[in-house]
C-alpha atoms as a PDB file:
ATOM      1  CA  MET A   1      20.863  12.871  -0.704  1.00  0.00           C
ATOM      2  CA  ASP A   2      19.231   9.651  -0.193  1.00  0.00           C
ATOM      3  CA  ARG A   3      18.180   7.776  -3.157  1.00  0.00           C
ATOM      4  CA  GLY A   4      16.441   4.516  -3.361  1.00  0.00           C
ATOM      5  CA  LYS A   5      18.564   1.506  -5.175  1.00  0.00           C
ATOM      6  CA  THR A   6      18.529   1.244  -8.965  1.00  0.00           C
ATOM      7  CA  VAL A   7      17.500  -1.648 -10.897  1.00  0.00           C
ATOM      8  CA  ASN A   8      21.224  -3.216 -10.794  1.00  0.00           C
ATOM      9  CA  GLU A   9      20.987  -3.008  -6.780  1.00  0.00           C
ATOM     10  CA  LEU A  10      18.115  -4.604  -6.380  1.00  0.00           C
ATOM     11  CA  GLU A  11      17.883  -8.958  -6.151  1.00  0.00           C
ATOM     12  CA  ILE A  12      14.690 -11.187  -6.523  1.00  0.00           C
ATOM     13  CA  GLY A  13      13.029 -12.180  -3.540  1.00  0.00           C
ATOM     14  CA  GLU A  14      14.230  -8.736  -1.135  1.00  0.00           C
ATOM     15  CA  LYS A  15      11.691  -7.536   0.802  1.00  0.00           C
ATOM     16  CA  ALA A  16      10.541  -4.230   3.136  1.00  0.00           C
ATOM     17  CA  SER A  17       7.639  -3.589   5.322  1.00  0.00           C
ATOM     18  CA  PHE A  18       6.138  -0.917   6.760  1.00  0.00           C
ATOM     19  CA  THR A  19       3.205  -1.057   9.248  1.00  0.00           C
ATOM     20  CA  LYS A  20       0.103   1.543  10.983  1.00  0.00           C
ATOM     21  CA  THR A  21      -2.439   1.495  13.216  1.00  0.00           C
ATOM     22  CA  ILE A  22      -5.566   3.146  10.864  1.00  0.00           C
ATOM     23  CA  THR A  23      -7.467   5.338  13.097  1.00  0.00           C
ATOM     24  CA  GLU A  24     -10.752   6.943  12.751  1.00  0.00           C
ATOM     25  CA  THR A  25      -8.763  10.488  12.436  1.00  0.00           C
ATOM     26  CA  ASP A  26      -7.173   8.281   9.146  1.00  0.00           C
ATOM     27  CA  VAL A  27     -10.442   8.155   7.839  1.00  0.00           C
ATOM     28  CA  TYR A  28     -11.576  11.511   7.526  1.00  0.00           C
ATOM     29  CA  ASN A  29      -9.029  13.206   7.076  1.00  0.00           C
ATOM     30  CA  TYR A  30      -8.779  10.145   3.528  1.00  0.00           C
ATOM     31  CA  ALA A  31     -12.265  11.024   3.332  1.00  0.00           C
ATOM     32  CA  GLY A  32     -11.478  14.590   3.595  1.00  0.00           C
ATOM     33  CA  ILE A  33      -8.814  15.283   1.277  1.00  0.00           C
ATOM     34  CA  THR A  34     -10.260  13.131  -2.118  1.00  0.00           C
ATOM     35  CA  GLY A  35     -13.911  13.593  -1.450  1.00  0.00           C
ATOM     36  CA  ASP A  36     -14.800  10.138  -0.640  1.00  0.00           C
ATOM     37  CA  PHE A  37     -17.665  10.309   2.420  1.00  0.00           C
ATOM     38  CA  ASN A  38     -19.026   6.974   1.487  1.00  0.00           C
ATOM     39  CA  PRO A  39     -21.220   6.529   4.285  1.00  0.00           C
ATOM     40  CA  ALA A  40     -19.599   3.004   4.598  1.00  0.00           C
ATOM     41  CA  HIS A  41     -16.451   4.643   6.208  1.00  0.00           C
ATOM     42  CA  VAL A  42     -18.110   7.729   8.047  1.00  0.00           C
ATOM     43  CA  ASN A  43     -21.653   6.892   9.282  1.00  0.00           C
ATOM     44  CA  GLU A  44     -22.005   3.827  11.948  1.00  0.00           C
ATOM     45  CA  SER A  45     -25.582   4.244  11.974  1.00  0.00           C
ATOM     46  CA  PHE A  46     -25.438   3.221   8.215  1.00  0.00           C
ATOM     47  CA  ALA A  47     -22.282   1.030   8.494  1.00  0.00           C
ATOM     48  CA  LYS A  48     -24.174  -1.158  11.115  1.00  0.00           C
ATOM     49  CA  GLU A  49     -26.345  -1.721   8.197  1.00  0.00           C
ATOM     50  CA  THR A  50     -24.159  -3.114   5.514  1.00  0.00           C
ATOM     51  CA  MET A  51     -22.331  -6.364   5.259  1.00  0.00           C
ATOM     52  CA  PHE A  52     -19.775  -5.806   7.387  1.00  0.00           C
ATOM     53  CA  LYS A  53     -21.691  -4.546  10.548  1.00  0.00           C
ATOM     54  CA  GLY A  54     -19.477  -1.097  10.555  1.00  0.00           C
ATOM     55  CA  ARG A  55     -17.321   1.100   9.798  1.00  0.00           C
ATOM     56  CA  ILE A  56     -14.668   0.680   7.565  1.00  0.00           C
ATOM     57  CA  ALA A  57     -11.684   2.035   6.327  1.00  0.00           C
ATOM     58  CA  HIS A  58     -11.431   3.194   2.531  1.00  0.00           C
ATOM     59  CA  GLY A  59      -9.211   0.342   0.400  1.00  0.00           C
ATOM     60  CA  MET A  60      -7.272   2.897  -0.613  1.00  0.00           C
ATOM     61  CA  ILE A  61      -5.666   3.647   3.033  1.00  0.00           C
ATOM     62  CA  ALA A  62      -4.263   0.803   3.132  1.00  0.00           C
ATOM     63  CA  ALA A  63      -2.954   0.975  -0.865  1.00  0.00           C
ATOM     64  CA  GLY A  64      -1.232   3.816   0.444  1.00  0.00           C
ATOM     65  CA  LEU A  65       0.615   2.122   2.623  1.00  0.00           C
ATOM     66  CA  ILE A  66       2.601   0.034  -0.527  1.00  0.00           C
ATOM     67  CA  SER A  67       2.815   3.552  -1.726  1.00  0.00           C
ATOM     68  CA  THR A  68       5.208   4.294   1.732  1.00  0.00           C
ATOM     69  CA  VAL A  69       7.161   1.076   1.507  1.00  0.00           C
ATOM     70  CA  LEU A  70       8.055   1.408  -2.397  1.00  0.00           C
ATOM     71  CA  GLY A  71       8.582   5.434  -1.428  1.00  0.00           C
ATOM     72  CA  THR A  72      10.476   5.170   1.265  1.00  0.00           C
ATOM     73  CA  GLN A  73      12.381   1.819   0.847  1.00  0.00           C
ATOM     74  CA  LEU A  74      11.999  -1.078  -2.243  1.00  0.00           C
ATOM     75  CA  PRO A  75      13.322   0.555  -4.313  1.00  0.00           C
ATOM     76  CA  GLY A  76      13.173   3.838  -2.672  1.00  0.00           C
ATOM     77  CA  PRO A  77      13.500   7.489  -2.851  1.00  0.00           C
ATOM     78  CA  GLY A  78      13.783   8.538  -6.681  1.00  0.00           C
ATOM     79  CA  SER A  79      11.946   5.742  -7.953  1.00  0.00           C
ATOM     80  CA  VAL A  80       8.618   6.165 -10.131  1.00  0.00           C
ATOM     81  CA  TYR A  81       5.693   4.121  -9.559  1.00  0.00           C
ATOM     82  CA  VAL A  82       4.224   3.118 -13.151  1.00  0.00           C
ATOM     83  CA  ALA A  83       1.399   0.377 -12.297  1.00  0.00           C
ATOM     84  CA  GLN A  84      -0.250  -1.660  -9.631  1.00  0.00           C
ATOM     85  CA  ASP A  85      -2.949  -3.683  -9.464  1.00  0.00           C
ATOM     86  CA  LEU A  86      -4.991  -4.479  -6.804  1.00  0.00           C
ATOM     87  CA  LYS A  87      -7.261  -6.659  -5.144  1.00  0.00           C
ATOM     88  CA  PHE A  88      -9.384  -6.517  -1.656  1.00  0.00           C
ATOM     89  CA  THR A  89     -10.087  -9.394   0.226  1.00  0.00           C
ATOM     90  CA  ALA A  90     -11.206  -8.031   3.585  1.00  0.00           C
ATOM     91  CA  PRO A  91     -12.031  -5.103   5.426  1.00  0.00           C
ATOM     92  CA  VAL A  92      -9.920  -2.747   7.331  1.00  0.00           C
ATOM     93  CA  ARG A  93     -11.263  -1.374  10.237  1.00  0.00           C
ATOM     94  CA  PHE A  94     -10.321   1.361  12.873  1.00  0.00           C
ATOM     95  CA  GLY A  95      -8.345  -0.135  14.821  1.00  0.00           C
ATOM     96  CA  ASP A  96      -6.441  -2.405  12.754  1.00  0.00           C
ATOM     97  CA  THR A  97      -2.567  -2.365  12.955  1.00  0.00           C
ATOM     98  CA  VAL A  98      -2.516  -2.848   8.929  1.00  0.00           C
ATOM     99  CA  THR A  99       1.597  -4.113   7.450  1.00  0.00           C
ATOM    100  CA  ALA A 100       2.158  -3.563   3.216  1.00  0.00           C
ATOM    101  CA  THR A 101       4.903  -5.880   2.186  1.00  0.00           C
ATOM    102  CA  ALA A 102       6.115  -5.812  -0.887  1.00  0.00           C
ATOM    103  CA  GLU A 103       8.736  -8.067  -2.752  1.00  0.00           C
ATOM    104  CA  VAL A 104      11.049  -7.573  -5.434  1.00  0.00           C
ATOM    105  CA  GLU A 105       9.264 -10.662  -8.452  1.00  0.00           C
ATOM    106  CA  ASP A 106      11.044  -9.434 -11.689  1.00  0.00           C
ATOM    107  CA  ILE A 107      13.504  -7.116 -12.563  1.00  0.00           C
ATOM    108  CA  ASN A 108      14.408  -6.424 -16.037  1.00  0.00           C
ATOM    109  CA  GLU A 109      17.422  -4.247 -16.097  1.00  0.00           C
ATOM    110  CA  GLU A 110      17.178  -3.602 -20.360  1.00  0.00           C
ATOM    111  CA  LYS A 111      13.790  -1.237 -19.408  1.00  0.00           C
ATOM    112  CA  ASN A 112      14.700   0.005 -16.035  1.00  0.00           C
ATOM    113  CA  ARG A 113      11.806  -1.589 -14.505  1.00  0.00           C
ATOM    114  CA  VAL A 114      11.079  -3.685 -11.252  1.00  0.00           C
ATOM    115  CA  THR A 115       7.986  -5.964 -10.811  1.00  0.00           C
ATOM    116  CA  LEU A 116       6.907  -6.157  -7.037  1.00  0.00           C
ATOM    117  CA  ASN A 117       4.508  -8.464  -5.226  1.00  0.00           C
ATOM    118  CA  THR A 118       2.507  -6.598  -2.605  1.00  0.00           C
ATOM    119  CA  VAL A 119       0.219  -7.466  -0.030  1.00  0.00           C
ATOM    120  CA  CYS A 120      -1.264  -5.830   3.383  1.00  0.00           C
ATOM    121  CA  THR A 121      -2.219  -8.121   6.115  1.00  0.00           C
ATOM    122  CA  ASN A 122      -3.654  -7.173   9.588  1.00  0.00           C
ATOM    123  CA  GLN A 123      -3.037  -7.923  13.307  1.00  0.00           C
ATOM    124  CA  LYS A 124      -4.182 -11.417  12.677  1.00  0.00           C
ATOM    125  CA  GLU A 125      -2.378 -11.509   9.774  1.00  0.00           C
ATOM    126  CA  GLU A 126      -4.996 -11.630   8.044  1.00  0.00           C
ATOM    127  CA  VAL A 127      -4.743 -11.023   4.069  1.00  0.00           C
ATOM    128  CA  VAL A 128      -6.347  -7.388   3.415  1.00  0.00           C
ATOM    129  CA  LEU A 129      -5.335  -6.339   0.187  1.00  0.00           C
ATOM    130  CA  THR A 130      -3.403  -8.283  -2.541  1.00  0.00           C
ATOM    131  CA  GLY A 131      -1.596  -6.598  -5.379  1.00  0.00           C
ATOM    132  CA  GLN A 132       1.042  -6.295  -8.024  1.00  0.00           C
ATOM    133  CA  ALA A 133       3.094  -2.732  -8.646  1.00  0.00           C
ATOM    134  CA  GLU A 134       6.035  -2.087 -11.145  1.00  0.00           C
ATOM    135  CA  LEU A 135       8.142   1.052 -10.614  1.00  0.00           C
ATOM    136  CA  MET A 136      11.699   2.496 -12.455  1.00  0.00           C
ATOM    137  CA  PRO A 137      13.749   2.887  -9.895  1.00  0.00           C
ATOM    138  CA  THR A 138      16.138   5.621  -9.193  1.00  0.00           C
ATOM    139  CA  VAL A 139      18.825   5.874 -11.764  1.00  0.00           C
ATOM    140  CA  LYS A 140      22.109   6.311 -10.750  1.00  0.00           C
ATOM    141  CA  GLY A 141      22.985   9.928  -9.990  1.00  0.00           C
ATOM    142  CA  GLU A 142      19.850  11.297  -9.570  1.00  0.00           C
END
């Protein structure tokens, strides 16, 4: 069984990324799962009248890509997401290709915790989200 890295296997500065193009289907699936049918996301006529001049993806879709990095790559399978702070810095539009990157910033072996800087950028290399995550890496043998 695959497992992620343990706290002792991680290194400061270690990075991992995941990239996905955000589609209209992604936005409607997210709205259906969460119940968030804010017209800024699902109603083009309404959204054209907003500061964004068109529909935008839910910010939490980009945040979810961070979860993908953390749960599948760094630290990886078996890790437990403890905390995340987020700052949404630019909208994600339908068709944008978003890259979520996590970088190990701090390791606390005694408490089995790792802190990672998290950032999402679009295809123009514009930052759309920044934050910091705290995780409990997998424990050897799990």
